[in-house]
Amino acid sequence: MPDAGGKAPLRWDAHACVPLCAGAELVALDRHRRAGFAFVSLNVGMDMTTCQGVVETIARFRHWLKRHSDRFVVAHSLEDVITAHESGRLAVAFDVEGAVPLLSDEALVHLVADLGVRQMALVYNRNNAVGGGCHDADEGLTKRGRCLVAALNAAGIVPDCAHAGERTTMDVMEASATPVIFSHANVRALVDHPRNVTDRQIDACAATGGVIGISGFDLLLGRPADAVSAMAEHVDYVVQRVGPDHVGLGLDYVYQVGVDPLPAGIDPAYWWPPEAGYGGEWTGSPPETADALAEALATRGYSHVAVSKILGGNFLNVARRNWKAGGAATD
């Protein structure tokens, strides 16, 4: 539904994945654009990815996006996102899941910020030098981790607590001077999985001014055959607890599942333990889900204004409070 100015409200997806391998193209992201999204955060690496791999992936993605500037924009600033929205294009920024590829180095944080990284999770499922993972013995944020949070704040990168253990997330939210997000995580009270967030985490995230990005990943939803209804239930739980300003979308949709080979020597069972329910081909809710979710929320009594916040406005506000601290690269 268009807003008062005749333009459909801005939609924002806080996390999506495409193949990271050389030669991969981003044409599939046209689905996000056609589904009405103005922005998507695209993963460029995880804790098992090398620093070189992250930088090479960003370089390839930027090169491809610039060659298709009629449909896409590399987002360094809020102005880039607004421009994309007004012109019917898709703004794309990048996210890293875990500090290992950046060697927990503050200087590298500022480098990738200049290259378009606007969101960073400190850990990916397992412990690293900065904190604890959701599938590990979480001992909290380390001294190096606190330095990294400060570096993220200074660089204008949004601290992301997805994939971290509860104790580490609470430490991150206490340490950060800017809003903190869970880019793609659902509600643990509804689906008891370590990747989902507890009431305590929801409350703390909202207290920072942050947002919980509801994921379409079937394992975290609990009802994959009825994904839209399940997502609406998770959205509603967060709203009933902390209000409509602290929930958004982080669909975690994976384009071309299974295309990316894991780095040599990586044990999938370590990163994605079978006892936590991982296995088989992962599925998720595609960008086209947004229309159906908007309808499901309206059926639950949500106003047009509230739905617009959930589908994009809330993450836009987080970016407004974080990105302004970072310098935008010029192309």
C-alpha atoms as a PDB file:
ATOM      1  CA  MET A   1       0.000   0.000   0.000  1.00  0.00           C
ATOM      2  CA  PRO A   2       1.483   3.423  -0.976  1.00  0.00           C
ATOM      3  CA  ASP A   3       2.159   6.045   1.669  1.00  0.00           C
ATOM      4  CA  ALA A   4       0.737   9.551   1.630  1.00  0.00           C
ATOM      5  CA  GLY A   5       3.235  10.584  -1.024  1.00  0.00           C
ATOM      6  CA  GLY A   6       2.165   7.797  -3.350  1.00  0.00           C
ATOM      7  CA  LYS A   7       5.317   5.707  -2.831  1.00  0.00           C
ATOM      8  CA  ALA A   8       5.163   2.247  -1.272  1.00  0.00           C
ATOM      9  CA  PRO A   9       6.815   2.173   2.193  1.00  0.00           C
ATOM     10  CA  LEU A  10      10.498   1.288   2.222  1.00  0.00           C
ATOM     11  CA  ARG A  11      11.233  -2.411   2.817  1.00  0.00           C
ATOM     12  CA  TRP A  12      14.470  -3.594   4.446  1.00  0.00           C
ATOM     13  CA  ASP A  13      15.882  -7.128   4.704  1.00  0.00           C
ATOM     14  CA  ALA A  14      18.672  -7.319   7.287  1.00  0.00           C
ATOM     15  CA  HIS A  15      20.260 -10.529   5.987  1.00  0.00           C
ATOM     16  CA  ALA A  16      20.398 -12.572   2.792  1.00  0.00           C
ATOM     17  CA  CYS A  17      22.930 -14.945   1.246  1.00  0.00           C
ATOM     18  CA  VAL A  18      24.176 -15.558  -2.287  1.00  0.00           C
ATOM     19  CA  PRO A  19      27.051 -17.813  -3.397  1.00  0.00           C
ATOM     20  CA  LEU A  20      30.417 -16.422  -2.336  1.00  0.00           C
ATOM     21  CA  CYS A  21      32.377 -18.405  -4.907  1.00  0.00           C
ATOM     22  CA  ALA A  22      34.179 -16.728  -7.797  1.00  0.00           C
ATOM     23  CA  GLY A  23      32.010 -16.231 -10.862  1.00  0.00           C
ATOM     24  CA  ALA A  24      28.761 -15.968  -8.950  1.00  0.00           C
ATOM     25  CA  GLU A  25      26.438 -13.212 -10.108  1.00  0.00           C
ATOM     26  CA  LEU A  26      23.868 -11.277  -8.118  1.00  0.00           C
ATOM     27  CA  VAL A  27      21.074 -11.257 -10.671  1.00  0.00           C
ATOM     28  CA  ALA A  28      18.907 -13.301  -8.282  1.00  0.00           C
ATOM     29  CA  LEU A  29      18.663 -10.186  -6.100  1.00  0.00           C
ATOM     30  CA  ASP A  30      16.215  -8.841  -8.653  1.00  0.00           C
ATOM     31  CA  ARG A  31      13.703 -10.902  -6.695  1.00  0.00           C
ATOM     32  CA  HIS A  32      14.266  -8.671  -3.666  1.00  0.00           C
ATOM     33  CA  ARG A  33      13.836  -5.586  -5.826  1.00  0.00           C
ATOM     34  CA  ARG A  34      10.667  -6.868  -7.492  1.00  0.00           C
ATOM     35  CA  ALA A  35       9.277  -7.811  -4.073  1.00  0.00           C
ATOM     36  CA  GLY A  36       9.439  -4.136  -3.099  1.00  0.00           C
ATOM     37  CA  PHE A  37      12.627  -4.121  -1.040  1.00  0.00           C
ATOM     38  CA  ALA A  38      14.739  -0.971  -1.142  1.00  0.00           C
ATOM     39  CA  PHE A  39      17.591  -2.486   0.869  1.00  0.00           C
ATOM     40  CA  VAL A  40      19.193  -5.841   1.582  1.00  0.00           C
ATOM     41  CA  SER A  41      22.248  -6.683   3.671  1.00  0.00           C
ATOM     42  CA  LEU A  42      24.259  -9.299   1.829  1.00  0.00           C
ATOM     43  CA  ASN A  43      26.538 -11.723   3.658  1.00  0.00           C
ATOM     44  CA  VAL A  44      30.175 -11.710   2.497  1.00  0.00           C
ATOM     45  CA  GLY A  45      31.703 -14.199   4.930  1.00  0.00           C
ATOM     46  CA  MET A  46      31.567 -16.050   8.236  1.00  0.00           C
ATOM     47  CA  ASP A  47      34.057 -17.130  10.883  1.00  0.00           C
ATOM     48  CA  MET A  48      35.280 -19.971   8.658  1.00  0.00           C
ATOM     49  CA  THR A  49      36.001 -17.522   5.814  1.00  0.00           C
ATOM     50  CA  THR A  50      39.479 -16.021   5.394  1.00  0.00           C
ATOM     51  CA  CYS A  51      40.160 -12.302   5.464  1.00  0.00           C
ATOM     52  CA  GLN A  52      41.288 -12.518   1.836  1.00  0.00           C
ATOM     53  CA  GLY A  53      38.057 -14.292   0.966  1.00  0.00           C
ATOM     54  CA  VAL A  54      35.923 -11.531   2.496  1.00  0.00           C
ATOM     55  CA  VAL A  55      37.782  -8.746   0.689  1.00  0.00           C
ATOM     56  CA  GLU A  56      37.706 -10.597  -2.643  1.00  0.00           C
ATOM     57  CA  THR A  57      33.982 -11.274  -2.280  1.00  0.00           C
ATOM     58  CA  ILE A  58      33.246  -7.611  -1.538  1.00  0.00           C
ATOM     59  CA  ALA A  59      35.313  -6.572  -4.549  1.00  0.00           C
ATOM     60  CA  ARG A  60      33.434  -8.956  -6.859  1.00  0.00           C
ATOM     61  CA  PHE A  61      30.039  -7.936  -5.498  1.00  0.00           C
ATOM     62  CA  ARG A  62      30.795  -4.208  -5.777  1.00  0.00           C
ATOM     63  CA  HIS A  63      32.044  -4.640  -9.337  1.00  0.00           C
ATOM     64  CA  TRP A  64      28.900  -6.510 -10.369  1.00  0.00           C
ATOM     65  CA  LEU A  65      26.537  -4.052  -8.648  1.00  0.00           C
ATOM     66  CA  LYS A  66      28.187  -1.053 -10.283  1.00  0.00           C
ATOM     67  CA  ARG A  67      27.883  -2.685 -13.700  1.00  0.00           C
ATOM     68  CA  HIS A  68      24.133  -3.001 -13.055  1.00  0.00           C
ATOM     69  CA  SER A  69      23.513   0.446 -11.591  1.00  0.00           C
ATOM     70  CA  ASP A  70      20.207   0.703 -13.433  1.00  0.00           C
ATOM     71  CA  ARG A  71      18.796  -1.739 -10.869  1.00  0.00           C
ATOM     72  CA  PHE A  72      21.197  -1.712  -7.913  1.00  0.00           C
ATOM     73  CA  VAL A  73      23.057   0.721  -5.656  1.00  0.00           C
ATOM     74  CA  VAL A  74      26.036   0.017  -3.385  1.00  0.00           C
ATOM     75  CA  ALA A  75      24.815   1.533  -0.118  1.00  0.00           C
ATOM     76  CA  HIS A  76      27.288   3.557   1.918  1.00  0.00           C
ATOM     77  CA  SER A  77      24.813   6.036   3.366  1.00  0.00           C
ATOM     78  CA  LEU A  78      21.149   6.485   4.181  1.00  0.00           C
ATOM     79  CA  GLU A  79      20.959   8.817   1.200  1.00  0.00           C
ATOM     80  CA  ASP A  80      21.946   5.872  -1.024  1.00  0.00           C
ATOM     81  CA  VAL A  81      19.074   3.808   0.391  1.00  0.00           C
ATOM     82  CA  ILE A  82      16.540   6.618  -0.030  1.00  0.00           C
ATOM     83  CA  THR A  83      17.747   7.261  -3.582  1.00  0.00           C
ATOM     84  CA  ALA A  84      17.386   3.575  -4.404  1.00  0.00           C
ATOM     85  CA  HIS A  85      13.884   3.515  -2.944  1.00  0.00           C
ATOM     86  CA  GLU A  86      12.783   6.574  -4.889  1.00  0.00           C
ATOM     87  CA  SER A  87      14.184   5.221  -8.160  1.00  0.00           C
ATOM     88  CA  GLY A  88      12.886   1.661  -7.832  1.00  0.00           C
ATOM     89  CA  ARG A  89      16.346   0.201  -7.354  1.00  0.00           C
ATOM     90  CA  LEU A  90      17.742  -2.065  -4.624  1.00  0.00           C
ATOM     91  CA  ALA A  91      20.405  -0.707  -2.262  1.00  0.00           C
ATOM     92  CA  VAL A  92      22.889  -3.373  -1.170  1.00  0.00           C
ATOM     93  CA  ALA A  93      25.311  -3.242   1.746  1.00  0.00           C
ATOM     94  CA  PHE A  94      27.356  -6.077   3.200  1.00  0.00           C
ATOM     95  CA  ASP A  95      27.585  -7.944   6.489  1.00  0.00           C
ATOM     96  CA  VAL A  96      30.215 -10.203   8.044  1.00  0.00           C
ATOM     97  CA  GLU A  97      29.265 -12.969  10.493  1.00  0.00           C
ATOM     98  CA  GLY A  98      32.105 -13.272  12.974  1.00  0.00           C
ATOM     99  CA  ALA A  99      35.333 -11.468  13.852  1.00  0.00           C
ATOM    100  CA  VAL A 100      37.735 -14.177  12.632  1.00  0.00           C
ATOM    101  CA  PRO A 101      37.897 -12.995   8.979  1.00  0.00           C
ATOM    102  CA  LEU A 102      38.897  -9.529  10.212  1.00  0.00           C
ATOM    103  CA  LEU A 103      41.444 -11.050  12.586  1.00  0.00           C
ATOM    104  CA  SER A 104      39.642  -9.177  15.379  1.00  0.00           C
ATOM    105  CA  ASP A 105      41.552  -6.144  14.074  1.00  0.00           C
ATOM    106  CA  GLU A 106      40.100  -2.651  14.549  1.00  0.00           C
ATOM    107  CA  ALA A 107      41.947  -1.333  11.488  1.00  0.00           C
ATOM    108  CA  LEU A 108      40.288  -3.966   9.301  1.00  0.00           C
ATOM    109  CA  VAL A 109      36.904  -2.974  10.721  1.00  0.00           C
ATOM    110  CA  HIS A 110      37.388   0.538   9.360  1.00  0.00           C
ATOM    111  CA  LEU A 111      38.637  -0.840   6.039  1.00  0.00           C
ATOM    112  CA  VAL A 112      35.565  -2.988   5.416  1.00  0.00           C
ATOM    113  CA  ALA A 113      33.331  -0.105   6.506  1.00  0.00           C
ATOM    114  CA  ASP A 114      34.832   1.927   3.674  1.00  0.00           C
ATOM    115  CA  LEU A 115      34.055  -0.983   1.332  1.00  0.00           C
ATOM    116  CA  GLY A 116      30.379  -1.088   2.277  1.00  0.00           C
ATOM    117  CA  VAL A 117      30.079  -3.366   5.317  1.00  0.00           C
ATOM    118  CA  ARG A 118      27.354  -1.853   7.488  1.00  0.00           C
ATOM    119  CA  GLN A 119      26.589  -4.728   9.858  1.00  0.00           C
ATOM    120  CA  MET A 120      28.764  -7.243  11.710  1.00  0.00           C
ATOM    121  CA  ALA A 121      28.123 -10.185  13.984  1.00  0.00           C
ATOM    122  CA  LEU A 122      30.976 -10.751  16.419  1.00  0.00           C
ATOM    123  CA  VAL A 123      30.764 -14.548  16.448  1.00  0.00           C
ATOM    124  CA  TYR A 124      29.304 -17.297  14.286  1.00  0.00           C
ATOM    125  CA  ASN A 125      27.850 -20.146  16.390  1.00  0.00           C
ATOM    126  CA  ARG A 126      31.193 -21.042  18.016  1.00  0.00           C
ATOM    127  CA  ASN A 127      33.544 -19.203  20.364  1.00  0.00           C
ATOM    128  CA  ASN A 128      36.254 -16.989  18.936  1.00  0.00           C
ATOM    129  CA  ALA A 129      38.703 -14.412  20.293  1.00  0.00           C
ATOM    130  CA  VAL A 130      36.006 -11.810  20.962  1.00  0.00           C
ATOM    131  CA  GLY A 131      33.118 -13.758  22.468  1.00  0.00           C
ATOM    132  CA  GLY A 132      30.979 -16.866  22.812  1.00  0.00           C
ATOM    133  CA  GLY A 133      28.787 -18.594  20.261  1.00  0.00           C
ATOM    134  CA  CYS A 134      25.239 -19.853  20.686  1.00  0.00           C
ATOM    135  CA  HIS A 135      26.445 -23.455  20.162  1.00  0.00           C
ATOM    136  CA  ASP A 136      29.401 -23.273  22.531  1.00  0.00           C
ATOM    137  CA  ALA A 137      30.300 -22.676  26.178  1.00  0.00           C
ATOM    138  CA  ASP A 138      29.708 -18.943  26.235  1.00  0.00           C
ATOM    139  CA  GLU A 139      31.967 -17.084  28.656  1.00  0.00           C
ATOM    140  CA  GLY A 140      30.959 -13.631  27.485  1.00  0.00           C
ATOM    141  CA  LEU A 141      32.569 -10.789  25.602  1.00  0.00           C
ATOM    142  CA  THR A 142      36.355 -10.681  25.953  1.00  0.00           C
ATOM    143  CA  LYS A 143      38.547  -7.601  26.369  1.00  0.00           C
ATOM    144  CA  ARG A 144      39.330  -7.813  22.663  1.00  0.00           C
ATOM    145  CA  GLY A 145      35.611  -8.069  22.029  1.00  0.00           C
ATOM    146  CA  ARG A 146      34.929  -4.826  23.890  1.00  0.00           C
ATOM    147  CA  CYS A 147      37.577  -3.095  21.792  1.00  0.00           C
ATOM    148  CA  LEU A 148      35.917  -4.485  18.668  1.00  0.00           C
ATOM    149  CA  VAL A 149      32.488  -3.178  19.712  1.00  0.00           C
ATOM    150  CA  ALA A 150      34.029   0.268  20.173  1.00  0.00           C
ATOM    151  CA  ALA A 151      35.591  -0.011  16.715  1.00  0.00           C
ATOM    152  CA  LEU A 152      32.232  -0.953  15.175  1.00  0.00           C
ATOM    153  CA  ASN A 153      30.613   2.051  16.829  1.00  0.00           C
ATOM    154  CA  ALA A 154      33.346   4.355  15.549  1.00  0.00           C
ATOM    155  CA  ALA A 155      33.191   2.934  12.008  1.00  0.00           C
ATOM    156  CA  GLY A 156      29.410   3.224  11.723  1.00  0.00           C
ATOM    157  CA  ILE A 157      28.875  -0.542  11.553  1.00  0.00           C
ATOM    158  CA  VAL A 158      25.817  -1.936  13.342  1.00  0.00           C
ATOM    159  CA  PRO A 159      26.782  -4.502  16.022  1.00  0.00           C
ATOM    160  CA  ASP A 160      24.843  -7.713  15.354  1.00  0.00           C
ATOM    161  CA  CYS A 161      24.226 -10.325  18.064  1.00  0.00           C
ATOM    162  CA  ALA A 162      22.864 -13.053  15.779  1.00  0.00           C
ATOM    163  CA  HIS A 163      24.680 -16.393  16.300  1.00  0.00           C
ATOM    164  CA  ALA A 164      26.189 -15.317  19.652  1.00  0.00           C
ATOM    165  CA  GLY A 165      25.586 -16.881  23.042  1.00  0.00           C
ATOM    166  CA  GLU A 166      23.231 -15.125  25.445  1.00  0.00           C
ATOM    167  CA  ARG A 167      25.931 -13.925  27.850  1.00  0.00           C
ATOM    168  CA  THR A 168      27.995 -12.459  25.016  1.00  0.00           C
ATOM    169  CA  THR A 169      24.966 -10.696  23.547  1.00  0.00           C
ATOM    170  CA  MET A 170      24.143  -9.103  26.882  1.00  0.00           C
ATOM    171  CA  ASP A 171      27.741  -7.884  27.158  1.00  0.00           C
ATOM    172  CA  VAL A 172      27.658  -6.476  23.612  1.00  0.00           C
ATOM    173  CA  MET A 173      24.427  -4.609  24.283  1.00  0.00           C
ATOM    174  CA  GLU A 174      25.879  -3.160  27.473  1.00  0.00           C
ATOM    175  CA  ALA A 175      29.129  -2.142  25.761  1.00  0.00           C
ATOM    176  CA  SER A 176      27.732  -0.591  22.584  1.00  0.00           C
ATOM    177  CA  ALA A 177      27.177   3.156  22.373  1.00  0.00           C
ATOM    178  CA  THR A 178      24.746   2.674  19.470  1.00  0.00           C
ATOM    179  CA  PRO A 179      21.702   0.436  18.862  1.00  0.00           C
ATOM    180  CA  VAL A 180      22.400  -3.296  18.585  1.00  0.00           C
ATOM    181  CA  ILE A 181      20.447  -5.765  16.447  1.00  0.00           C
ATOM    182  CA  PHE A 182      19.755  -9.448  16.066  1.00  0.00           C
ATOM    183  CA  SER A 183      19.696  -9.371  12.279  1.00  0.00           C
ATOM    184  CA  HIS A 184      18.068 -12.781  11.814  1.00  0.00           C
ATOM    185  CA  ALA A 185      16.755 -14.592  14.904  1.00  0.00           C
ATOM    186  CA  ASN A 186      13.353 -15.632  16.170  1.00  0.00           C
ATOM    187  CA  VAL A 187      11.732 -15.980  19.592  1.00  0.00           C
ATOM    188  CA  ARG A 188      12.943 -18.731  21.903  1.00  0.00           C
ATOM    189  CA  ALA A 189       9.734 -18.713  23.940  1.00  0.00           C
ATOM    190  CA  LEU A 190       7.975 -19.925  20.767  1.00  0.00           C
ATOM    191  CA  VAL A 191      10.712 -22.189  19.366  1.00  0.00           C
ATOM    192  CA  ASP A 192      13.326 -23.398  21.848  1.00  0.00           C
ATOM    193  CA  HIS A 193      16.476 -23.255  19.739  1.00  0.00           C
ATOM    194  CA  PRO A 194      19.859 -21.757  20.751  1.00  0.00           C
ATOM    195  CA  ARG A 195      19.803 -19.463  17.711  1.00  0.00           C
ATOM    196  CA  ASN A 196      16.589 -17.846  18.905  1.00  0.00           C
ATOM    197  CA  VAL A 197      16.434 -15.023  21.439  1.00  0.00           C
ATOM    198  CA  THR A 198      15.211 -15.101  25.012  1.00  0.00           C
ATOM    199  CA  ASP A 199      12.894 -12.551  26.591  1.00  0.00           C
ATOM    200  CA  ARG A 200      15.910 -11.087  28.378  1.00  0.00           C
ATOM    201  CA  GLN A 201      17.692 -10.556  25.067  1.00  0.00           C
ATOM    202  CA  ILE A 202      14.591  -9.016  23.485  1.00  0.00           C
ATOM    203  CA  ASP A 203      14.256  -6.557  26.365  1.00  0.00           C
ATOM    204  CA  ALA A 204      17.938  -5.613  26.273  1.00  0.00           C
ATOM    205  CA  CYS A 205      17.947  -5.169  22.500  1.00  0.00           C
ATOM    206  CA  ALA A 206      14.947  -2.851  22.666  1.00  0.00           C
ATOM    207  CA  ALA A 207      16.625  -0.879  25.448  1.00  0.00           C
ATOM    208  CA  THR A 208      19.523  -0.066  23.081  1.00  0.00           C
ATOM    209  CA  GLY A 209      17.054   1.158  20.465  1.00  0.00           C
ATOM    210  CA  GLY A 210      17.741  -1.984  18.431  1.00  0.00           C
ATOM    211  CA  VAL A 211      15.663  -4.372  16.360  1.00  0.00           C
ATOM    212  CA  ILE A 212      15.037  -8.133  16.233  1.00  0.00           C
ATOM    213  CA  GLY A 213      15.023  -9.298  12.600  1.00  0.00           C
ATOM    214  CA  ILE A 214      12.522 -12.133  12.257  1.00  0.00           C
ATOM    215  CA  SER A 215      13.968 -14.924  10.133  1.00  0.00           C
ATOM    216  CA  GLY A 216      12.242 -17.138   7.614  1.00  0.00           C
ATOM    217  CA  PHE A 217      14.648 -20.030   8.288  1.00  0.00           C
ATOM    218  CA  ASP A 218      12.400 -23.035   8.899  1.00  0.00           C
ATOM    219  CA  LEU A 219      14.432 -24.448  11.804  1.00  0.00           C
ATOM    220  CA  LEU A 220      13.905 -21.231  13.770  1.00  0.00           C
ATOM    221  CA  LEU A 221      10.236 -20.843  12.880  1.00  0.00           C
ATOM    222  CA  GLY A 222       8.943 -24.185  14.073  1.00  0.00           C
ATOM    223  CA  ARG A 223       6.244 -24.428  11.378  1.00  0.00           C
ATOM    224  CA  PRO A 224       7.946 -24.478   7.968  1.00  0.00           C
ATOM    225  CA  ALA A 225       4.736 -25.547   6.209  1.00  0.00           C
ATOM    226  CA  ASP A 226       3.031 -22.408   7.490  1.00  0.00           C
ATOM    227  CA  ALA A 227       5.936 -19.967   7.412  1.00  0.00           C
ATOM    228  CA  VAL A 228       3.994 -16.728   6.992  1.00  0.00           C
ATOM    229  CA  SER A 229       1.682 -17.453   9.914  1.00  0.00           C
ATOM    230  CA  ALA A 230       4.664 -18.511  12.031  1.00  0.00           C
ATOM    231  CA  MET A 231       6.598 -15.343  11.179  1.00  0.00           C
ATOM    232  CA  ALA A 232       3.566 -13.231  12.086  1.00  0.00           C
ATOM    233  CA  GLU A 233       3.409 -15.022  15.439  1.00  0.00           C
ATOM    234  CA  HIS A 234       7.074 -14.286  16.160  1.00  0.00           C
ATOM    235  CA  VAL A 235       6.609 -10.649  15.125  1.00  0.00           C
ATOM    236  CA  ASP A 236       3.566 -10.343  17.361  1.00  0.00           C
ATOM    237  CA  TYR A 237       5.399 -11.828  20.338  1.00  0.00           C
ATOM    238  CA  VAL A 238       8.127  -9.185  20.102  1.00  0.00           C
ATOM    239  CA  VAL A 239       5.588  -6.402  19.620  1.00  0.00           C
ATOM    240  CA  GLN A 240       3.548  -7.490  22.620  1.00  0.00           C
ATOM    241  CA  ARG A 241       6.710  -7.526  24.717  1.00  0.00           C
ATOM    242  CA  VAL A 242       8.573  -4.362  23.641  1.00  0.00           C
ATOM    243  CA  GLY A 243       6.340  -2.550  21.149  1.00  0.00           C
ATOM    244  CA  PRO A 244       6.256  -2.186  17.341  1.00  0.00           C
ATOM    245  CA  ASP A 245       9.502  -0.195  17.044  1.00  0.00           C
ATOM    246  CA  HIS A 246      11.869  -3.098  17.748  1.00  0.00           C
ATOM    247  CA  VAL A 247      11.056  -5.805  15.217  1.00  0.00           C
ATOM    248  CA  GLY A 248      11.858  -6.130  11.524  1.00  0.00           C
ATOM    249  CA  LEU A 249      12.793  -8.643   8.850  1.00  0.00           C
ATOM    250  CA  GLY A 250      16.032 -10.592   8.463  1.00  0.00           C
ATOM    251  CA  LEU A 251      14.738 -13.290   6.143  1.00  0.00           C
ATOM    252  CA  ASP A 252      18.067 -15.145   5.878  1.00  0.00           C
ATOM    253  CA  TYR A 253      16.998 -16.381   2.460  1.00  0.00           C
ATOM    254  CA  VAL A 254      19.751 -18.370   0.746  1.00  0.00           C
ATOM    255  CA  TYR A 255      19.857 -18.067  -3.028  1.00  0.00           C
ATOM    256  CA  GLN A 256      21.220 -21.203  -4.753  1.00  0.00           C
ATOM    257  CA  VAL A 257      21.535 -23.490  -1.749  1.00  0.00           C
ATOM    258  CA  GLY A 258      24.505 -25.851  -1.902  1.00  0.00           C
ATOM    259  CA  VAL A 259      26.497 -23.962  -4.551  1.00  0.00           C
ATOM    260  CA  ASP A 260      29.212 -22.752  -2.192  1.00  0.00           C
ATOM    261  CA  PRO A 261      31.798 -25.381  -1.224  1.00  0.00           C
ATOM    262  CA  LEU A 262      33.032 -25.083   2.356  1.00  0.00           C
ATOM    263  CA  PRO A 263      36.703 -24.149   2.834  1.00  0.00           C
ATOM    264  CA  ALA A 264      39.042 -27.134   3.010  1.00  0.00           C
ATOM    265  CA  GLY A 265      39.165 -28.803   6.403  1.00  0.00           C
ATOM    266  CA  ILE A 266      35.853 -27.370   7.637  1.00  0.00           C
ATOM    267  CA  ASP A 267      33.620 -29.814   9.522  1.00  0.00           C
ATOM    268  CA  PRO A 268      29.954 -28.846   8.981  1.00  0.00           C
ATOM    269  CA  ALA A 269      28.930 -30.733  12.139  1.00  0.00           C
ATOM    270  CA  TYR A 270      31.112 -28.402  14.203  1.00  0.00           C
ATOM    271  CA  TRP A 271      29.548 -25.196  12.911  1.00  0.00           C
ATOM    272  CA  TRP A 272      26.020 -26.578  12.526  1.00  0.00           C
ATOM    273  CA  PRO A 273      25.661 -29.378  15.118  1.00  0.00           C
ATOM    274  CA  PRO A 274      23.148 -32.064  14.076  1.00  0.00           C
ATOM    275  CA  GLU A 275      21.870 -32.268  17.657  1.00  0.00           C
ATOM    276  CA  ALA A 276      20.611 -28.683  17.218  1.00  0.00           C
ATOM    277  CA  GLY A 277      18.457 -29.771  14.298  1.00  0.00           C
ATOM    278  CA  TYR A 278      20.683 -28.828  11.382  1.00  0.00           C
ATOM    279  CA  GLY A 279      20.765 -31.215   8.462  1.00  0.00           C
ATOM    280  CA  GLY A 280      19.479 -31.732   4.970  1.00  0.00           C
ATOM    281  CA  GLU A 281      18.815 -28.833   2.614  1.00  0.00           C
ATOM    282  CA  TRP A 282      18.102 -25.598   4.421  1.00  0.00           C
ATOM    283  CA  THR A 283      15.004 -23.745   3.381  1.00  0.00           C
ATOM    284  CA  GLY A 284      13.768 -20.303   4.156  1.00  0.00           C
ATOM    285  CA  SER A 285      11.172 -17.715   3.286  1.00  0.00           C
ATOM    286  CA  PRO A 286      11.915 -15.831   0.049  1.00  0.00           C
ATOM    287  CA  PRO A 287      11.569 -12.053  -0.369  1.00  0.00           C
ATOM    288  CA  GLU A 288       8.130 -12.514  -1.909  1.00  0.00           C
ATOM    289  CA  THR A 289       6.980 -13.485   1.605  1.00  0.00           C
ATOM    290  CA  ALA A 290       6.830  -9.802   2.536  1.00  0.00           C
ATOM    291  CA  ASP A 291       3.457  -9.180   0.880  1.00  0.00           C
ATOM    292  CA  ALA A 292       1.850 -12.170   2.565  1.00  0.00           C
ATOM    293  CA  LEU A 293       3.348 -11.213   5.916  1.00  0.00           C
ATOM    294  CA  ALA A 294       1.999  -7.681   5.585  1.00  0.00           C
ATOM    295  CA  GLU A 295      -1.460  -9.145   4.966  1.00  0.00           C
ATOM    296  CA  ALA A 296      -1.129 -11.539   7.907  1.00  0.00           C
ATOM    297  CA  LEU A 297      -0.181  -8.675  10.225  1.00  0.00           C
ATOM    298  CA  ALA A 298      -3.054  -6.542   8.951  1.00  0.00           C
ATOM    299  CA  THR A 299      -5.408  -9.445   9.657  1.00  0.00           C
ATOM    300  CA  ARG A 300      -4.096  -9.445  13.230  1.00  0.00           C
ATOM    301  CA  GLY A 301      -5.114  -5.799  13.540  1.00  0.00           C
ATOM    302  CA  TYR A 302      -1.797  -4.099  12.791  1.00  0.00           C
ATOM    303  CA  SER A 303      -2.112  -0.624  11.302  1.00  0.00           C
ATOM    304  CA  HIS A 304      -0.520   0.437   8.026  1.00  0.00           C
ATOM    305  CA  VAL A 305       1.965   2.519  10.025  1.00  0.00           C
ATOM    306  CA  ALA A 306       2.960  -0.416  12.247  1.00  0.00           C
ATOM    307  CA  VAL A 307       3.359  -2.777   9.284  1.00  0.00           C
ATOM    308  CA  SER A 308       5.530  -0.207   7.501  1.00  0.00           C
ATOM    309  CA  LYS A 309       7.788   0.025  10.547  1.00  0.00           C
ATOM    310  CA  ILE A 310       8.132  -3.746  10.776  1.00  0.00           C
ATOM    311  CA  LEU A 311       8.824  -4.271   7.079  1.00  0.00           C
ATOM    312  CA  GLY A 312      11.471  -1.572   6.907  1.00  0.00           C
ATOM    313  CA  GLY A 313      11.135   1.562   8.984  1.00  0.00           C
ATOM    314  CA  ASN A 314      12.595   0.156  12.175  1.00  0.00           C
ATOM    315  CA  PHE A 315      15.844  -1.043  10.593  1.00  0.00           C
ATOM    316  CA  LEU A 316      16.054   2.246   8.716  1.00  0.00           C
ATOM    317  CA  ASN A 317      15.988   4.042  12.067  1.00  0.00           C
ATOM    318  CA  VAL A 318      18.760   1.815  13.420  1.00  0.00           C
ATOM    319  CA  ALA A 319      20.860   2.660  10.367  1.00  0.00           C
ATOM    320  CA  ARG A 320      20.165   6.354  10.933  1.00  0.00           C
ATOM    321  CA  ARG A 321      21.628   6.076  14.450  1.00  0.00           C
ATOM    322  CA  ASN A 322      24.615   3.899  13.481  1.00  0.00           C
ATOM    323  CA  TRP A 323      25.677   4.660   9.929  1.00  0.00           C
ATOM    324  CA  LYS A 324      26.035   8.395  10.551  1.00  0.00           C
ATOM    325  CA  ALA A 325      29.140   7.623  12.618  1.00  0.00           C
ATOM    326  CA  GLY A 326      30.928   6.002   9.685  1.00  0.00           C
ATOM    327  CA  GLY A 327      32.506   7.596   6.651  1.00  0.00           C
ATOM    328  CA  ALA A 328      30.932   6.866   3.279  1.00  0.00           C
ATOM    329  CA  ALA A 329      33.307   5.874   0.537  1.00  0.00           C
ATOM    330  CA  THR A 330      33.052   7.698  -2.767  1.00  0.00           C
ATOM    331  CA  ASP A 331      32.908   5.713  -5.990  1.00  0.00           C
END
